[in-house]
Amino acid sequence: MNHLFINECRIQRYTQGAKDGYGNPTKAWAAHLTVDGRISYPKGRQIFRDTEMVNVDAVLFLEDIDVIEHDRVYVDDVLYEILFVAQVQDLIGSHHKELTLKRFEL
């Protein structure tokens, strides 16, 4: 299946950074993993997030790795917010993960 993964994916995780002027830790994004994956762009797909409907910009297929909804990912240098992580099973166990993505607006 690795030959299908043609996109570079840099996953970042939210961590505590240096302390601010009040002594509280600031939040910062840190490199978590760099892996290969495959991205697709479904048309017209939406999901519920909290109390609102959100348009899905992309779906990313990855091996069974440590990734959660609170992470974010650069796919070929485009930044995406991870909306949902689905664990896909086969007859043996975990097969891969499908990440539902929203393009990050800076």
PDB file of N, CA and C in Angstrom:
ATOM      1  N   MET A   1       0.818  -1.191   0.000  1.00  0.00           N
ATOM      2  CA  MET A   1       0.000   0.000   0.000  1.00  0.00           C
ATOM      3  C   MET A   1       0.864   1.258   0.000  1.00  0.00           C
ATOM      4  N   ASN A   2       2.113   1.162   0.436  1.00  0.00           N
ATOM      5  CA  ASN A   2       2.975   2.338   0.517  1.00  0.00           C
ATOM      6  C   ASN A   2       3.199   3.008  -0.836  1.00  0.00           C
ATOM      7  N   HIS A   3       3.117   2.272  -1.924  1.00  0.00           N
ATOM      8  CA  HIS A   3       3.320   2.872  -3.241  1.00  0.00           C
ATOM      9  C   HIS A   3       2.186   3.823  -3.616  1.00  0.00           C
ATOM     10  N   LEU A   4       1.063   3.766  -2.905  1.00  0.00           N
ATOM     11  CA  LEU A   4      -0.054   4.675  -3.150  1.00  0.00           C
ATOM     12  C   LEU A   4       0.121   6.007  -2.428  1.00  0.00           C
ATOM     13  N   PHE A   5       1.004   6.050  -1.459  1.00  0.00           N
ATOM     14  CA  PHE A   5       1.211   7.267  -0.668  1.00  0.00           C
ATOM     15  C   PHE A   5       2.219   8.167  -1.378  1.00  0.00           C
ATOM     16  N   ILE A   6       1.717   9.211  -2.033  1.00  0.00           N
ATOM     17  CA  ILE A   6       2.557  10.055  -2.876  1.00  0.00           C
ATOM     18  C   ILE A   6       2.700  11.483  -2.356  1.00  0.00           C
ATOM     19  N   ASN A   7       2.038  11.800  -1.239  1.00  0.00           N
ATOM     20  CA  ASN A   7       2.077  13.154  -0.697  1.00  0.00           C
ATOM     21  C   ASN A   7       2.858  13.185   0.612  1.00  0.00           C
ATOM     22  N   GLU A   8       3.715  14.204   0.773  1.00  0.00           N
ATOM     23  CA  GLU A   8       4.438  14.375   2.031  1.00  0.00           C
ATOM     24  C   GLU A   8       3.522  15.040   3.053  1.00  0.00           C
ATOM     25  N   CYS A   9       3.436  14.460   4.250  1.00  0.00           N
ATOM     26  CA  CYS A   9       2.547  14.955   5.299  1.00  0.00           C
ATOM     27  C   CYS A   9       3.363  15.238   6.561  1.00  0.00           C
ATOM     28  N   ARG A  10       3.318  16.495   6.998  1.00  0.00           N
ATOM     29  CA  ARG A  10       4.014  16.897   8.219  1.00  0.00           C
ATOM     30  C   ARG A  10       2.969  17.213   9.279  1.00  0.00           C
ATOM     31  N   ILE A  11       2.866  16.337  10.264  1.00  0.00           N
ATOM     32  CA  ILE A  11       1.856  16.477  11.315  1.00  0.00           C
ATOM     33  C   ILE A  11       2.457  17.255  12.481  1.00  0.00           C
ATOM     34  N   GLN A  12       1.682  18.232  12.961  1.00  0.00           N
ATOM     35  CA  GLN A  12       2.100  19.037  14.100  1.00  0.00           C
ATOM     36  C   GLN A  12       1.127  18.837  15.252  1.00  0.00           C
ATOM     37  N   ARG A  13       1.662  18.941  16.461  1.00  0.00           N
ATOM     38  CA  ARG A  13       0.851  18.779  17.675  1.00  0.00           C
ATOM     39  C   ARG A  13       0.979  20.029  18.519  1.00  0.00           C
ATOM     40  N   TYR A  14      -0.137  20.407  19.149  1.00  0.00           N
ATOM     41  CA  TYR A  14      -0.195  21.571  20.024  1.00  0.00           C
ATOM     42  C   TYR A  14       0.524  21.242  21.328  1.00  0.00           C
ATOM     43  N   THR A  15       1.506  22.052  21.711  1.00  0.00           N
ATOM     44  CA  THR A  15       2.266  21.808  22.939  1.00  0.00           C
ATOM     45  C   THR A  15       2.373  23.095  23.745  1.00  0.00           C
ATOM     46  N   GLN A  16       2.835  22.974  24.962  1.00  0.00           N
ATOM     47  CA  GLN A  16       3.087  24.161  25.776  1.00  0.00           C
ATOM     48  C   GLN A  16       4.470  24.695  25.465  1.00  0.00           C
ATOM     49  N   GLY A  17       4.525  26.006  25.211  1.00  0.00           N
ATOM     50  CA  GLY A  17       5.793  26.637  24.884  1.00  0.00           C
ATOM     51  C   GLY A  17       6.355  27.394  26.078  1.00  0.00           C
ATOM     52  N   ALA A  18       7.095  28.460  25.795  1.00  0.00           N
ATOM     53  CA  ALA A  18       7.695  29.297  26.838  1.00  0.00           C
ATOM     54  C   ALA A  18       6.602  30.004  27.630  1.00  0.00           C
ATOM     55  N   LYS A  19       6.979  30.550  28.770  1.00  0.00           N
ATOM     56  CA  LYS A  19       6.012  31.252  29.619  1.00  0.00           C
ATOM     57  C   LYS A  19       5.839  32.695  29.150  1.00  0.00           C
ATOM     58  N   ASP A  20       4.594  33.180  29.249  1.00  0.00           N
ATOM     59  CA  ASP A  20       4.326  34.561  28.873  1.00  0.00           C
ATOM     60  C   ASP A  20       4.683  35.495  30.026  1.00  0.00           C
ATOM     61  N   GLY A  21       4.376  36.773  29.892  1.00  0.00           N
ATOM     62  CA  GLY A  21       4.721  37.777  30.902  1.00  0.00           C
ATOM     63  C   GLY A  21       4.067  37.544  32.250  1.00  0.00           C
ATOM     64  N   TYR A  22       2.999  36.749  32.284  1.00  0.00           N
ATOM     65  CA  TYR A  22       2.308  36.447  33.544  1.00  0.00           C
ATOM     66  C   TYR A  22       2.716  35.103  34.134  1.00  0.00           C
ATOM     67  N   GLY A  23       3.672  34.436  33.492  1.00  0.00           N
ATOM     68  CA  GLY A  23       4.137  33.142  33.998  1.00  0.00           C
ATOM     69  C   GLY A  23       3.327  31.958  33.505  1.00  0.00           C
ATOM     70  N   ASN A  24       2.362  32.194  32.623  1.00  0.00           N
ATOM     71  CA  ASN A  24       1.545  31.105  32.078  1.00  0.00           C
ATOM     72  C   ASN A  24       2.211  30.531  30.829  1.00  0.00           C
ATOM     73  N   PRO A  25       2.162  29.208  30.676  1.00  0.00           N
ATOM     74  CA  PRO A  25       2.765  28.625  29.471  1.00  0.00           C
ATOM     75  C   PRO A  25       1.964  29.015  28.231  1.00  0.00           C
ATOM     76  N   THR A  26       2.661  29.380  27.170  1.00  0.00           N
ATOM     77  CA  THR A  26       2.002  29.684  25.905  1.00  0.00           C
ATOM     78  C   THR A  26       1.845  28.398  25.111  1.00  0.00           C
ATOM     79  N   LYS A  27       0.914  28.389  24.194  1.00  0.00           N
ATOM     80  CA  LYS A  27       0.701  27.214  23.343  1.00  0.00           C
ATOM     81  C   LYS A  27       1.468  27.408  22.040  1.00  0.00           C
ATOM     82  N   ALA A  28       2.050  26.346  21.548  1.00  0.00           N
ATOM     83  CA  ALA A  28       2.829  26.402  20.313  1.00  0.00           C
ATOM     84  C   ALA A  28       2.646  25.098  19.545  1.00  0.00           C
ATOM     85  N   TRP A  29       2.792  25.168  18.237  1.00  0.00           N
ATOM     86  CA  TRP A  29       2.748  23.968  17.405  1.00  0.00           C
ATOM     87  C   TRP A  29       4.161  23.419  17.260  1.00  0.00           C
ATOM     88  N   ALA A  30       4.306  22.110  17.459  1.00  0.00           N
ATOM     89  CA  ALA A  30       5.612  21.452  17.344  1.00  0.00           C
ATOM     90  C   ALA A  30       5.515  20.295  16.355  1.00  0.00           C
ATOM     91  N   ALA A  31       6.617  20.019  15.673  1.00  0.00           N
ATOM     92  CA  ALA A  31       6.661  18.886  14.743  1.00  0.00           C
ATOM     93  C   ALA A  31       6.384  17.596  15.508  1.00  0.00           C
ATOM     94  N   HIS A  32       5.517  16.759  14.956  1.00  0.00           N
ATOM     95  CA  HIS A  32       5.161  15.489  15.598  1.00  0.00           C
ATOM     96  C   HIS A  32       5.622  14.308  14.741  1.00  0.00           C
ATOM     97  N   LEU A  33       5.183  14.255  13.483  1.00  0.00           N
ATOM     98  CA  LEU A  33       5.549  13.168  12.577  1.00  0.00           C
ATOM     99  C   LEU A  33       5.667  13.694  11.148  1.00  0.00           C
ATOM    100  N   THR A  34       6.521  13.073  10.361  1.00  0.00           N
ATOM    101  CA  THR A  34       6.559  13.300   8.918  1.00  0.00           C
ATOM    102  C   THR A  34       6.403  11.942   8.254  1.00  0.00           C
ATOM    103  N   VAL A  35       5.327  11.790   7.480  1.00  0.00           N
ATOM    104  CA  VAL A  35       5.001  10.514   6.845  1.00  0.00           C
ATOM    105  C   VAL A  35       4.501  10.772   5.434  1.00  0.00           C
ATOM    106  N   ASP A  36       4.398   9.703   4.655  1.00  0.00           N
ATOM    107  CA  ASP A  36       3.777   9.791   3.343  1.00  0.00           C
ATOM    108  C   ASP A  36       2.315   9.403   3.457  1.00  0.00           C
ATOM    109  N   GLY A  37       1.480  10.026   2.639  1.00  0.00           N
ATOM    110  CA  GLY A  37       0.057   9.738   2.635  1.00  0.00           C
ATOM    111  C   GLY A  37      -0.506   9.994   1.254  1.00  0.00           C
ATOM    112  N   ARG A  38      -1.816   9.937   1.149  1.00  0.00           N
ATOM    113  CA  ARG A  38      -2.484  10.229  -0.135  1.00  0.00           C
ATOM    114  C   ARG A  38      -3.694  11.103   0.150  1.00  0.00           C
ATOM    115  N   ILE A  39      -3.792  12.215  -0.570  1.00  0.00           N
ATOM    116  CA  ILE A  39      -4.883  13.153  -0.359  1.00  0.00           C
ATOM    117  C   ILE A  39      -5.858  13.081  -1.536  1.00  0.00           C
ATOM    118  N   SER A  40      -7.145  13.236  -1.222  1.00  0.00           N
ATOM    119  CA  SER A  40      -8.164  13.329  -2.265  1.00  0.00           C
ATOM    120  C   SER A  40      -9.077  14.493  -1.919  1.00  0.00           C
ATOM    121  N   TYR A  41      -9.787  14.971  -2.921  1.00  0.00           N
ATOM    122  CA  TYR A  41     -10.610  16.169  -2.759  1.00  0.00           C
ATOM    123  C   TYR A  41     -12.062  15.855  -3.119  1.00  0.00           C
ATOM    124  N   PRO A  42     -12.860  15.430  -2.132  1.00  0.00           N
ATOM    125  CA  PRO A  42     -14.261  15.092  -2.414  1.00  0.00           C
ATOM    126  C   PRO A  42     -15.080  16.356  -2.677  1.00  0.00           C
ATOM    127  N   LYS A  43     -16.066  16.256  -3.512  1.00  0.00           N
ATOM    128  CA  LYS A  43     -16.943  17.385  -3.834  1.00  0.00           C
ATOM    129  C   LYS A  43     -18.211  17.319  -2.989  1.00  0.00           C
ATOM    130  N   GLY A  44     -18.573  18.426  -2.377  1.00  0.00           N
ATOM    131  CA  GLY A  44     -19.853  18.531  -1.689  1.00  0.00           C
ATOM    132  C   GLY A  44     -19.983  17.768  -0.389  1.00  0.00           C
ATOM    133  N   ARG A  45     -18.895  17.341   0.203  1.00  0.00           N
ATOM    134  CA  ARG A  45     -18.965  16.583   1.457  1.00  0.00           C
ATOM    135  C   ARG A  45     -18.951  17.549   2.639  1.00  0.00           C
ATOM    136  N   GLN A  46     -19.802  17.283   3.643  1.00  0.00           N
ATOM    137  CA  GLN A  46     -19.885  18.095   4.852  1.00  0.00           C
ATOM    138  C   GLN A  46     -19.981  17.178   6.060  1.00  0.00           C
ATOM    139  N   ILE A  47     -19.529  17.694   7.213  1.00  0.00           N
ATOM    140  CA  ILE A  47     -19.695  16.966   8.471  1.00  0.00           C
ATOM    141  C   ILE A  47     -20.152  17.948   9.543  1.00  0.00           C
ATOM    142  N   PHE A  48     -20.774  17.405  10.601  1.00  0.00           N
ATOM    143  CA  PHE A  48     -21.125  18.225  11.752  1.00  0.00           C
ATOM    144  C   PHE A  48     -19.923  18.346  12.664  1.00  0.00           C
ATOM    145  N   ARG A  49     -19.630  19.562  13.070  1.00  0.00           N
ATOM    146  CA  ARG A  49     -18.567  19.805  14.049  1.00  0.00           C
ATOM    147  C   ARG A  49     -19.151  20.708  15.111  1.00  0.00           C
ATOM    148  N   ASP A  50     -19.203  20.226  16.329  1.00  0.00           N
ATOM    149  CA  ASP A  50     -19.882  20.918  17.420  1.00  0.00           C
ATOM    150  C   ASP A  50     -21.342  21.127  17.008  1.00  0.00           C
ATOM    151  N   THR A  51     -21.762  22.355  16.774  1.00  0.00           N
ATOM    152  CA  THR A  51     -23.164  22.611  16.424  1.00  0.00           C
ATOM    153  C   THR A  51     -23.333  23.159  15.015  1.00  0.00           C
ATOM    154  N   GLU A  52     -22.280  23.064  14.196  1.00  0.00           N
ATOM    155  CA  GLU A  52     -22.383  23.620  12.855  1.00  0.00           C
ATOM    156  C   GLU A  52     -21.937  22.620  11.793  1.00  0.00           C
ATOM    157  N   MET A  53     -22.439  22.840  10.574  1.00  0.00           N
ATOM    158  CA  MET A  53     -22.044  22.033   9.431  1.00  0.00           C
ATOM    159  C   MET A  53     -20.790  22.647   8.815  1.00  0.00           C
ATOM    160  N   VAL A  54     -19.771  21.814   8.567  1.00  0.00           N
ATOM    161  CA  VAL A  54     -18.487  22.285   8.043  1.00  0.00           C
ATOM    162  C   VAL A  54     -18.220  21.590   6.714  1.00  0.00           C
ATOM    163  N   ASN A  55     -17.805  22.367   5.704  1.00  0.00           N
ATOM    164  CA  ASN A  55     -17.418  21.793   4.417  1.00  0.00           C
ATOM    165  C   ASN A  55     -16.078  21.086   4.553  1.00  0.00           C
ATOM    166  N   VAL A  56     -15.981  19.926   3.934  1.00  0.00           N
ATOM    167  CA  VAL A  56     -14.741  19.150   3.938  1.00  0.00           C
ATOM    168  C   VAL A  56     -13.961  19.509   2.671  1.00  0.00           C
ATOM    169  N   ASP A  57     -12.715  19.937   2.845  1.00  0.00           N
ATOM    170  CA  ASP A  57     -11.880  20.303   1.703  1.00  0.00           C
ATOM    171  C   ASP A  57     -11.095  19.114   1.158  1.00  0.00           C
ATOM    172  N   ALA A  58     -10.730  18.163   2.039  1.00  0.00           N
ATOM    173  CA  ALA A  58      -9.902  17.043   1.593  1.00  0.00           C
ATOM    174  C   ALA A  58     -10.039  15.868   2.559  1.00  0.00           C
ATOM    175  N   VAL A  59      -9.658  14.686   2.063  1.00  0.00           N
ATOM    176  CA  VAL A  59      -9.554  13.481   2.887  1.00  0.00           C
ATOM    177  C   VAL A  59      -8.141  12.955   2.693  1.00  0.00           C
ATOM    178  N   LEU A  60      -7.469  12.670   3.805  1.00  0.00           N
ATOM    179  CA  LEU A  60      -6.087  12.200   3.776  1.00  0.00           C
ATOM    180  C   LEU A  60      -6.033  10.765   4.287  1.00  0.00           C
ATOM    181  N   PHE A  61      -5.389   9.892   3.522  1.00  0.00           N
ATOM    182  CA  PHE A  61      -5.233   8.487   3.880  1.00  0.00           C
ATOM    183  C   PHE A  61      -3.810   8.279   4.378  1.00  0.00           C
ATOM    184  N   LEU A  62      -3.679   7.707   5.590  1.00  0.00           N
ATOM    185  CA  LEU A  62      -2.377   7.462   6.215  1.00  0.00           C
ATOM    186  C   LEU A  62      -2.315   6.047   6.767  1.00  0.00           C
ATOM    187  N   GLU A  63      -1.097   5.583   6.997  1.00  0.00           N
ATOM    188  CA  GLU A  63      -0.943   4.331   7.735  1.00  0.00           C
ATOM    189  C   GLU A  63      -1.488   4.527   9.147  1.00  0.00           C
ATOM    190  N   ASP A  64      -1.569   3.451   9.903  1.00  0.00           N
ATOM    191  CA  ASP A  64      -2.080   3.506  11.275  1.00  0.00           C
ATOM    192  C   ASP A  64      -1.010   4.135  12.174  1.00  0.00           C
ATOM    193  N   ILE A  65      -1.065   5.477  12.314  1.00  0.00           N
ATOM    194  CA  ILE A  65      -0.061   6.224  13.068  1.00  0.00           C
ATOM    195  C   ILE A  65      -0.729   7.008  14.189  1.00  0.00           C
ATOM    196  N   ASP A  66       0.065   7.646  15.033  1.00  0.00           N
ATOM    197  CA  ASP A  66      -0.424   8.455  16.148  1.00  0.00           C
ATOM    198  C   ASP A  66      -0.824   9.839  15.633  1.00  0.00           C
ATOM    199  N   VAL A  67      -2.116  10.032  15.368  1.00  0.00           N
ATOM    200  CA  VAL A  67      -2.653  11.310  14.927  1.00  0.00           C
ATOM    201  C   VAL A  67      -4.041  11.482  15.550  1.00  0.00           C
ATOM    202  N   ILE A  68      -4.353  12.704  15.990  1.00  0.00           N
ATOM    203  CA  ILE A  68      -5.629  12.973  16.660  1.00  0.00           C
ATOM    204  C   ILE A  68      -6.275  14.218  16.056  1.00  0.00           C
ATOM    205  N   GLU A  69      -7.546  14.454  16.405  1.00  0.00           N
ATOM    206  CA  GLU A  69      -8.281  15.597  15.877  1.00  0.00           C
ATOM    207  C   GLU A  69      -7.686  16.942  16.286  1.00  0.00           C
ATOM    208  N   HIS A  70      -6.942  17.001  17.354  1.00  0.00           N
ATOM    209  CA  HIS A  70      -6.368  18.265  17.820  1.00  0.00           C
ATOM    210  C   HIS A  70      -5.057  18.616  17.114  1.00  0.00           C
ATOM    211  N   ASP A  71      -4.557  17.717  16.263  1.00  0.00           N
ATOM    212  CA  ASP A  71      -3.349  17.986  15.486  1.00  0.00           C
ATOM    213  C   ASP A  71      -3.710  18.801  14.250  1.00  0.00           C
ATOM    214  N   ARG A  72      -2.689  19.220  13.508  1.00  0.00           N
ATOM    215  CA  ARG A  72      -2.883  19.813  12.191  1.00  0.00           C
ATOM    216  C   ARG A  72      -1.830  19.226  11.270  1.00  0.00           C
ATOM    217  N   VAL A  73      -2.018  19.372   9.956  1.00  0.00           N
ATOM    218  CA  VAL A  73      -1.127  18.701   9.016  1.00  0.00           C
ATOM    219  C   VAL A  73      -0.854  19.592   7.804  1.00  0.00           C
ATOM    220  N   TYR A  74       0.419  19.595   7.396  1.00  0.00           N
ATOM    221  CA  TYR A  74       0.816  20.186   6.126  1.00  0.00           C
ATOM    222  C   TYR A  74       0.887  19.052   5.119  1.00  0.00           C
ATOM    223  N   VAL A  75       0.139  19.165   4.034  1.00  0.00           N
ATOM    224  CA  VAL A  75       0.216  18.193   2.947  1.00  0.00           C
ATOM    225  C   VAL A  75       0.753  18.938   1.738  1.00  0.00           C
ATOM    226  N   ASP A  76       1.941  18.563   1.306  1.00  0.00           N
ATOM    227  CA  ASP A  76       2.605  19.255   0.191  1.00  0.00           C
ATOM    228  C   ASP A  76       2.592  20.766   0.401  1.00  0.00           C
ATOM    229  N   ASP A  77       2.921  21.191   1.617  1.00  0.00           N
ATOM    230  CA  ASP A  77       3.056  22.595   2.012  1.00  0.00           C
ATOM    231  C   ASP A  77       1.746  23.376   2.073  1.00  0.00           C
ATOM    232  N   VAL A  78       0.604  22.692   2.109  1.00  0.00           N
ATOM    233  CA  VAL A  78      -0.689  23.331   2.343  1.00  0.00           C
ATOM    234  C   VAL A  78      -1.155  22.902   3.731  1.00  0.00           C
ATOM    235  N   LEU A  79      -1.549  23.887   4.565  1.00  0.00           N
ATOM    236  CA  LEU A  79      -1.910  23.621   5.949  1.00  0.00           C
ATOM    237  C   LEU A  79      -3.393  23.279   6.066  1.00  0.00           C
ATOM    238  N   TYR A  80      -3.696  22.176   6.780  1.00  0.00           N
ATOM    239  CA  TYR A  80      -5.066  21.729   7.012  1.00  0.00           C
ATOM    240  C   TYR A  80      -5.319  21.515   8.494  1.00  0.00           C
ATOM    241  N   GLU A  81      -6.538  21.806   8.909  1.00  0.00           N
ATOM    242  CA  GLU A  81      -7.038  21.462  10.236  1.00  0.00           C
ATOM    243  C   GLU A  81      -7.639  20.065  10.143  1.00  0.00           C
ATOM    244  N   ILE A  82      -7.361  19.214  11.119  1.00  0.00           N
ATOM    245  CA  ILE A  82      -7.926  17.865  11.130  1.00  0.00           C
ATOM    246  C   ILE A  82      -9.272  17.924  11.841  1.00  0.00           C
ATOM    247  N   LEU A  83     -10.341  17.640  11.098  1.00  0.00           N
ATOM    248  CA  LEU A  83     -11.687  17.683  11.657  1.00  0.00           C
ATOM    249  C   LEU A  83     -12.087  16.364  12.306  1.00  0.00           C
ATOM    250  N   PHE A  84     -11.651  15.253  11.698  1.00  0.00           N
ATOM    251  CA  PHE A  84     -12.070  13.933  12.180  1.00  0.00           C
ATOM    252  C   PHE A  84     -11.040  12.893  11.757  1.00  0.00           C
ATOM    253  N   VAL A  85     -10.768  11.939  12.639  1.00  0.00           N
ATOM    254  CA  VAL A  85      -9.861  10.829  12.339  1.00  0.00           C
ATOM    255  C   VAL A  85     -10.662   9.533  12.419  1.00  0.00           C
ATOM    256  N   ALA A  86     -10.742   8.814  11.304  1.00  0.00           N
ATOM    257  CA  ALA A  86     -11.448   7.530  11.258  1.00  0.00           C
ATOM    258  C   ALA A  86     -10.433   6.397  11.189  1.00  0.00           C
ATOM    259  N   GLN A  87     -10.588   5.419  12.067  1.00  0.00           N
ATOM    260  CA  GLN A  87      -9.743   4.224  12.080  1.00  0.00           C
ATOM    261  C   GLN A  87     -10.419   3.181  11.200  1.00  0.00           C
ATOM    262  N   VAL A  88      -9.771   2.762  10.117  1.00  0.00           N
ATOM    263  CA  VAL A  88     -10.338   1.787   9.200  1.00  0.00           C
ATOM    264  C   VAL A  88      -9.755   0.418   9.527  1.00  0.00           C
ATOM    265  N   GLN A  89     -10.627  -0.561   9.693  1.00  0.00           N
ATOM    266  CA  GLN A  89     -10.233  -1.918  10.080  1.00  0.00           C
ATOM    267  C   GLN A  89     -10.320  -2.857   8.880  1.00  0.00           C
ATOM    268  N   ASP A  90      -9.480  -3.879   8.877  1.00  0.00           N
ATOM    269  CA  ASP A  90      -9.652  -4.984   7.944  1.00  0.00           C
ATOM    270  C   ASP A  90      -9.914  -6.243   8.775  1.00  0.00           C
ATOM    271  N   LEU A  91      -9.822  -7.413   8.195  1.00  0.00           N
ATOM    272  CA  LEU A  91     -10.117  -8.648   8.927  1.00  0.00           C
ATOM    273  C   LEU A  91      -9.110  -8.943  10.028  1.00  0.00           C
ATOM    274  N   ILE A  92      -7.906  -8.380   9.916  1.00  0.00           N
ATOM    275  CA  ILE A  92      -6.848  -8.651  10.888  1.00  0.00           C
ATOM    276  C   ILE A  92      -6.843  -7.631  12.013  1.00  0.00           C
ATOM    277  N   GLY A  93      -7.181  -6.400  11.729  1.00  0.00           N
ATOM    278  CA  GLY A  93      -7.136  -5.332  12.733  1.00  0.00           C
ATOM    279  C   GLY A  93      -7.064  -3.984  12.061  1.00  0.00           C
ATOM    280  N   SER A  94      -6.316  -3.072  12.656  1.00  0.00           N
ATOM    281  CA  SER A  94      -6.182  -1.729  12.105  1.00  0.00           C
ATOM    282  C   SER A  94      -5.492  -1.775  10.744  1.00  0.00           C
ATOM    283  N   HIS A  95      -6.051  -1.056   9.781  1.00  0.00           N
ATOM    284  CA  HIS A  95      -5.493  -1.054   8.435  1.00  0.00           C
ATOM    285  C   HIS A  95      -4.888   0.301   8.086  1.00  0.00           C
ATOM    286  N   HIS A  96      -5.689   1.355   8.199  1.00  0.00           N
ATOM    287  CA  HIS A  96      -5.188   2.696   7.928  1.00  0.00           C
ATOM    288  C   HIS A  96      -6.108   3.721   8.598  1.00  0.00           C
ATOM    289  N   LYS A  97      -5.745   4.993   8.481  1.00  0.00           N
ATOM    290  CA  LYS A  97      -6.577   6.072   9.012  1.00  0.00           C
ATOM    291  C   LYS A  97      -6.989   6.993   7.878  1.00  0.00           C
ATOM    292  N   GLU A  98      -8.203   7.520   7.995  1.00  0.00           N
ATOM    293  CA  GLU A  98      -8.718   8.506   7.053  1.00  0.00           C
ATOM    294  C   GLU A  98      -8.982   9.785   7.826  1.00  0.00           C
ATOM    295  N   LEU A  99      -8.308  10.839   7.444  1.00  0.00           N
ATOM    296  CA  LEU A  99      -8.446  12.131   8.119  1.00  0.00           C
ATOM    297  C   LEU A  99      -9.312  13.049   7.264  1.00  0.00           C
ATOM    298  N   THR A 100     -10.339  13.597   7.870  1.00  0.00           N
ATOM    299  CA  THR A 100     -11.185  14.586   7.208  1.00  0.00           C
ATOM    300  C   THR A 100     -10.580  15.957   7.505  1.00  0.00           C
ATOM    301  N   LEU A 101     -10.332  16.735   6.441  1.00  0.00           N
ATOM    302  CA  LEU A 101      -9.544  17.967   6.572  1.00  0.00           C
ATOM    303  C   LEU A 101     -10.305  19.204   6.104  1.00  0.00           C
ATOM    304  N   LYS A 102      -9.960  20.320   6.727  1.00  0.00           N
ATOM    305  CA  LYS A 102     -10.429  21.654   6.332  1.00  0.00           C
ATOM    306  C   LYS A 102      -9.192  22.499   6.096  1.00  0.00           C
ATOM    307  N   ARG A 103      -9.124  23.139   4.932  1.00  0.00           N
ATOM    308  CA  ARG A 103      -7.970  23.985   4.638  1.00  0.00           C
ATOM    309  C   ARG A 103      -7.905  25.115   5.641  1.00  0.00           C
ATOM    310  N   PHE A 104      -6.734  25.330   6.219  1.00  0.00           N
ATOM    311  CA  PHE A 104      -6.542  26.336   7.262  1.00  0.00           C
ATOM    312  C   PHE A 104      -6.467  27.713   6.635  1.00  0.00           C
ATOM    313  N   GLU A 105      -7.319  28.605   7.085  1.00  0.00           N
ATOM    314  CA  GLU A 105      -7.331  29.987   6.590  1.00  0.00           C
ATOM    315  C   GLU A 105      -6.482  30.828   7.507  1.00  0.00           C
ATOM    316  N   LEU A 106      -5.379  31.385   6.991  1.00  0.00           N
ATOM    317  CA  LEU A 106      -4.490  32.223   7.809  1.00  0.00           C
ATOM    318  C   LEU A 106      -4.938  33.659   7.801  1.00  0.00           C
TER     319      LEU A 106
END
